[in-house]
N, C-alpha and C. Protein backbone atom coordinates (compact mmCIF):
# COMPACT_ATOMS: atom_id res chain seq x y z
N UNK A 1 -108.09 147.78 222.95
CA UNK A 1 -108.35 147.06 224.11
C UNK A 1 -107.17 147.30 225.04
N UNK A 2 -107.51 147.46 226.30
CA UNK A 2 -106.44 147.67 227.30
C UNK A 2 -106.05 146.41 228.04
N UNK A 3 -104.99 146.48 228.81
CA UNK A 3 -104.53 145.37 229.53
C UNK A 3 -105.57 144.76 230.44
N UNK A 4 -106.32 145.63 231.15
CA UNK A 4 -107.40 145.09 232.12
C UNK A 4 -108.34 144.25 231.28
N UNK A 5 -108.80 144.70 230.26
CA UNK A 5 -109.84 143.98 229.30
C UNK A 5 -109.33 142.64 228.90
N UNK A 6 -108.03 142.65 228.42
CA UNK A 6 -107.42 141.33 227.98
C UNK A 6 -107.37 140.43 229.13
N UNK A 7 -106.93 140.83 230.31
CA UNK A 7 -106.87 140.02 231.48
C UNK A 7 -108.14 139.39 231.85
N UNK A 8 -109.08 140.19 231.67
CA UNK A 8 -110.58 139.72 231.94
C UNK A 8 -111.02 138.71 230.93
N UNK A 9 -110.75 138.92 229.70
CA UNK A 9 -110.99 137.86 228.69
C UNK A 9 -110.16 136.64 228.88
N UNK A 10 -108.99 136.77 229.10
CA UNK A 10 -108.13 135.62 229.41
C UNK A 10 -108.73 134.79 230.64
N UNK A 11 -109.08 135.46 231.63
CA UNK A 11 -109.65 134.70 232.95
C UNK A 11 -110.87 133.98 232.45
N UNK A 12 -111.80 134.71 231.78
CA UNK A 12 -113.01 134.18 231.31
C UNK A 12 -112.95 132.99 230.45
N UNK A 13 -111.99 133.12 229.48
CA UNK A 13 -111.68 132.13 228.53
C UNK A 13 -111.25 130.81 229.35
N UNK A 14 -110.40 130.96 230.29
CA UNK A 14 -109.94 129.88 231.15
C UNK A 14 -111.14 129.32 231.83
N UNK A 15 -111.95 130.04 232.43
CA UNK A 15 -113.15 129.51 233.09
C UNK A 15 -113.97 128.62 232.16
N UNK A 16 -114.17 129.17 230.95
CA UNK A 16 -114.83 128.29 229.97
C UNK A 16 -114.13 127.11 229.69
N UNK A 17 -112.83 127.11 229.52
CA UNK A 17 -112.06 125.96 229.22
C UNK A 17 -112.33 124.81 230.35
N UNK A 18 -112.24 125.35 231.63
CA UNK A 18 -112.51 124.46 232.84
C UNK A 18 -113.93 123.92 232.77
N UNK A 19 -114.87 124.71 232.39
CA UNK A 19 -116.34 124.26 232.37
C UNK A 19 -116.42 123.11 231.27
N UNK A 20 -115.69 123.14 230.37
CA UNK A 20 -115.70 122.05 229.31
C UNK A 20 -114.91 120.87 229.62
N UNK A 21 -114.45 120.89 230.77
CA UNK A 21 -113.70 119.67 231.34
C UNK A 21 -112.21 119.71 230.95
N UNK A 22 -111.66 120.93 230.63
CA UNK A 22 -110.33 121.12 230.21
C UNK A 22 -109.88 120.31 228.93
N UNK A 23 -110.77 120.03 228.12
CA UNK A 23 -110.42 119.38 226.89
C UNK A 23 -109.82 120.32 225.88
N UNK A 24 -108.81 119.89 225.21
CA UNK A 24 -108.13 120.81 224.23
C UNK A 24 -108.90 120.94 222.93
N UNK A 25 -108.56 122.06 222.20
CA UNK A 25 -109.17 122.01 220.90
C UNK A 25 -110.13 123.17 220.60
N UNK A 26 -110.66 123.79 221.65
CA UNK A 26 -111.71 124.80 221.50
C UNK A 26 -111.30 126.23 221.97
N UNK A 27 -109.96 126.38 222.00
CA UNK A 27 -109.48 127.67 222.57
C UNK A 27 -109.90 128.84 221.87
N UNK A 28 -110.04 128.87 220.54
CA UNK A 28 -110.43 130.04 219.83
C UNK A 28 -112.08 130.26 220.18
N UNK A 29 -112.77 129.27 220.16
CA UNK A 29 -114.22 129.38 220.57
C UNK A 29 -114.26 129.98 222.04
N UNK A 30 -113.47 129.54 222.97
CA UNK A 30 -113.55 129.92 224.30
C UNK A 30 -113.20 131.38 224.33
N UNK A 31 -112.07 131.77 223.65
CA UNK A 31 -111.65 133.13 223.50
C UNK A 31 -112.71 134.04 222.98
N UNK A 32 -113.31 133.73 221.91
CA UNK A 32 -114.34 134.67 221.20
C UNK A 32 -115.66 134.76 222.17
N UNK A 33 -115.96 133.58 222.78
CA UNK A 33 -117.02 133.73 223.72
C UNK A 33 -116.68 134.67 224.86
N UNK A 34 -115.56 134.50 225.55
CA UNK A 34 -115.16 135.35 226.57
C UNK A 34 -115.05 136.81 226.17
N UNK A 35 -114.54 137.02 225.01
CA UNK A 35 -114.41 138.51 224.55
C UNK A 35 -115.87 139.03 224.34
N UNK A 36 -116.65 138.35 223.80
CA UNK A 36 -118.09 138.77 223.60
C UNK A 36 -118.70 139.07 225.09
N UNK A 37 -118.54 138.17 225.91
CA UNK A 37 -119.17 138.37 227.31
C UNK A 37 -118.50 139.71 228.08
N UNK A 38 -117.21 139.74 227.92
CA UNK A 38 -116.52 140.90 228.60
C UNK A 38 -117.03 142.24 227.89
N UNK A 39 -117.05 142.13 226.65
CA UNK A 39 -117.49 143.42 225.83
C UNK A 39 -118.93 143.79 226.26
N UNK A 40 -119.82 142.81 226.35
CA UNK A 40 -121.16 143.09 226.74
C UNK A 40 -121.36 143.73 228.19
N UNK A 41 -120.52 143.00 229.10
CA UNK A 41 -120.47 143.47 230.54
C UNK A 41 -119.86 144.97 230.49
N UNK A 42 -118.85 145.30 229.72
CA UNK A 42 -118.24 146.62 229.76
C UNK A 42 -119.22 147.56 229.21
N UNK A 43 -120.13 147.32 228.31
CA UNK A 43 -121.18 148.18 227.73
C UNK A 43 -122.27 148.39 228.73
N UNK A 44 -122.28 147.65 229.83
CA UNK A 44 -123.24 147.94 230.88
C UNK A 44 -124.47 147.08 230.88
N UNK A 45 -124.48 145.88 230.21
CA UNK A 45 -125.59 145.02 230.24
C UNK A 45 -125.65 144.53 231.69
N UNK A 46 -126.89 144.39 232.08
CA UNK A 46 -127.08 143.89 233.44
C UNK A 46 -127.30 142.51 233.44
N UNK A 47 -126.93 141.76 234.50
CA UNK A 47 -127.07 140.34 234.62
C UNK A 47 -126.12 139.63 233.67
N UNK A 48 -126.31 138.31 233.60
CA UNK A 48 -125.38 137.46 232.89
C UNK A 48 -125.34 137.92 231.30
N UNK A 49 -124.31 137.89 230.61
CA UNK A 49 -124.26 138.25 229.14
C UNK A 49 -125.15 137.23 228.38
N UNK A 50 -125.92 137.78 227.47
CA UNK A 50 -126.57 137.03 226.53
C UNK A 50 -125.67 136.83 225.22
N UNK A 51 -125.48 135.65 224.89
CA UNK A 51 -124.57 135.36 223.73
C UNK A 51 -125.29 134.89 222.62
N UNK A 52 -124.85 135.29 221.40
CA UNK A 52 -125.37 134.69 220.18
C UNK A 52 -124.86 133.23 220.12
N UNK A 53 -125.36 132.40 219.26
CA UNK A 53 -125.02 131.14 219.14
C UNK A 53 -123.64 131.10 218.33
N UNK A 54 -122.52 131.00 218.96
CA UNK A 54 -121.28 131.19 218.23
C UNK A 54 -120.85 129.76 217.69
N UNK A 55 -121.58 128.82 217.99
CA UNK A 55 -121.05 127.49 217.47
C UNK A 55 -122.14 126.81 216.50
N UNK A 56 -122.92 127.67 215.89
CA UNK A 56 -123.88 127.04 214.94
C UNK A 56 -123.20 126.01 213.98
N UNK A 57 -123.75 124.89 213.86
CA UNK A 57 -123.22 123.84 212.90
C UNK A 57 -121.62 123.69 213.00
N UNK A 58 -121.21 123.85 214.25
CA UNK A 58 -119.74 123.56 214.45
C UNK A 58 -118.91 124.57 214.06
N UNK A 59 -119.42 125.73 213.59
CA UNK A 59 -118.64 126.73 213.05
C UNK A 59 -118.48 127.91 214.07
N UNK A 60 -117.49 128.78 214.05
CA UNK A 60 -117.40 129.93 214.85
C UNK A 60 -118.14 130.96 214.08
N UNK A 61 -119.17 131.54 214.55
CA UNK A 61 -119.91 132.53 213.90
C UNK A 61 -120.01 133.81 214.72
N UNK A 62 -120.25 134.89 214.05
CA UNK A 62 -120.54 136.21 214.86
C UNK A 62 -122.09 136.21 215.16
N UNK A 63 -122.47 137.30 215.82
CA UNK A 63 -123.97 137.34 216.29
C UNK A 63 -124.85 137.37 215.06
N UNK A 64 -124.43 137.62 213.88
CA UNK A 64 -125.35 137.48 212.70
C UNK A 64 -125.32 136.23 211.94
N UNK A 65 -124.63 135.27 212.68
CA UNK A 65 -124.53 133.99 211.97
C UNK A 65 -123.49 133.89 210.88
N UNK A 66 -122.63 134.86 210.66
CA UNK A 66 -121.57 134.88 209.61
C UNK A 66 -120.42 134.01 210.13
N UNK A 67 -119.85 133.32 209.22
CA UNK A 67 -118.69 132.44 209.52
C UNK A 67 -117.43 133.34 209.80
N UNK A 68 -116.86 133.32 210.99
CA UNK A 68 -115.78 134.18 211.27
C UNK A 68 -114.48 133.57 210.70
N UNK A 69 -114.37 132.26 210.70
CA UNK A 69 -113.17 131.60 210.18
C UNK A 69 -113.18 131.63 208.58
N UNK A 70 -114.31 131.67 207.99
CA UNK A 70 -114.29 131.70 206.50
C UNK A 70 -115.34 132.61 206.02
N UNK A 71 -115.12 134.07 206.38
CA UNK A 71 -116.15 134.91 205.80
C UNK A 71 -116.39 134.86 204.31
N UNK A 72 -117.69 135.11 203.94
CA UNK A 72 -117.96 135.18 202.53
C UNK A 72 -118.69 136.46 202.28
C-alpha cells in the first residue's frame, strides 16, 4: 500500500468516526471499513462502495463472514 492509499484510508476512517458521533472504541472497525471502501474504489467500482456486513454479531468479519479477530 502506498502513502496516498494510507492517507485516503485514514481520512475515510476519520469520517466514519465522526459519523458515529466521535464515540471511542470502534477504531479498528472504522479502519477496516475505510480500507475496504478505498480498495473497492481503487479497483474501479462505480458509485458508493458496497460493503459486506463487517459487524455481524458484534464481531469484525471479512466479506465471507469469517471472524477477523479470531479466525478459525
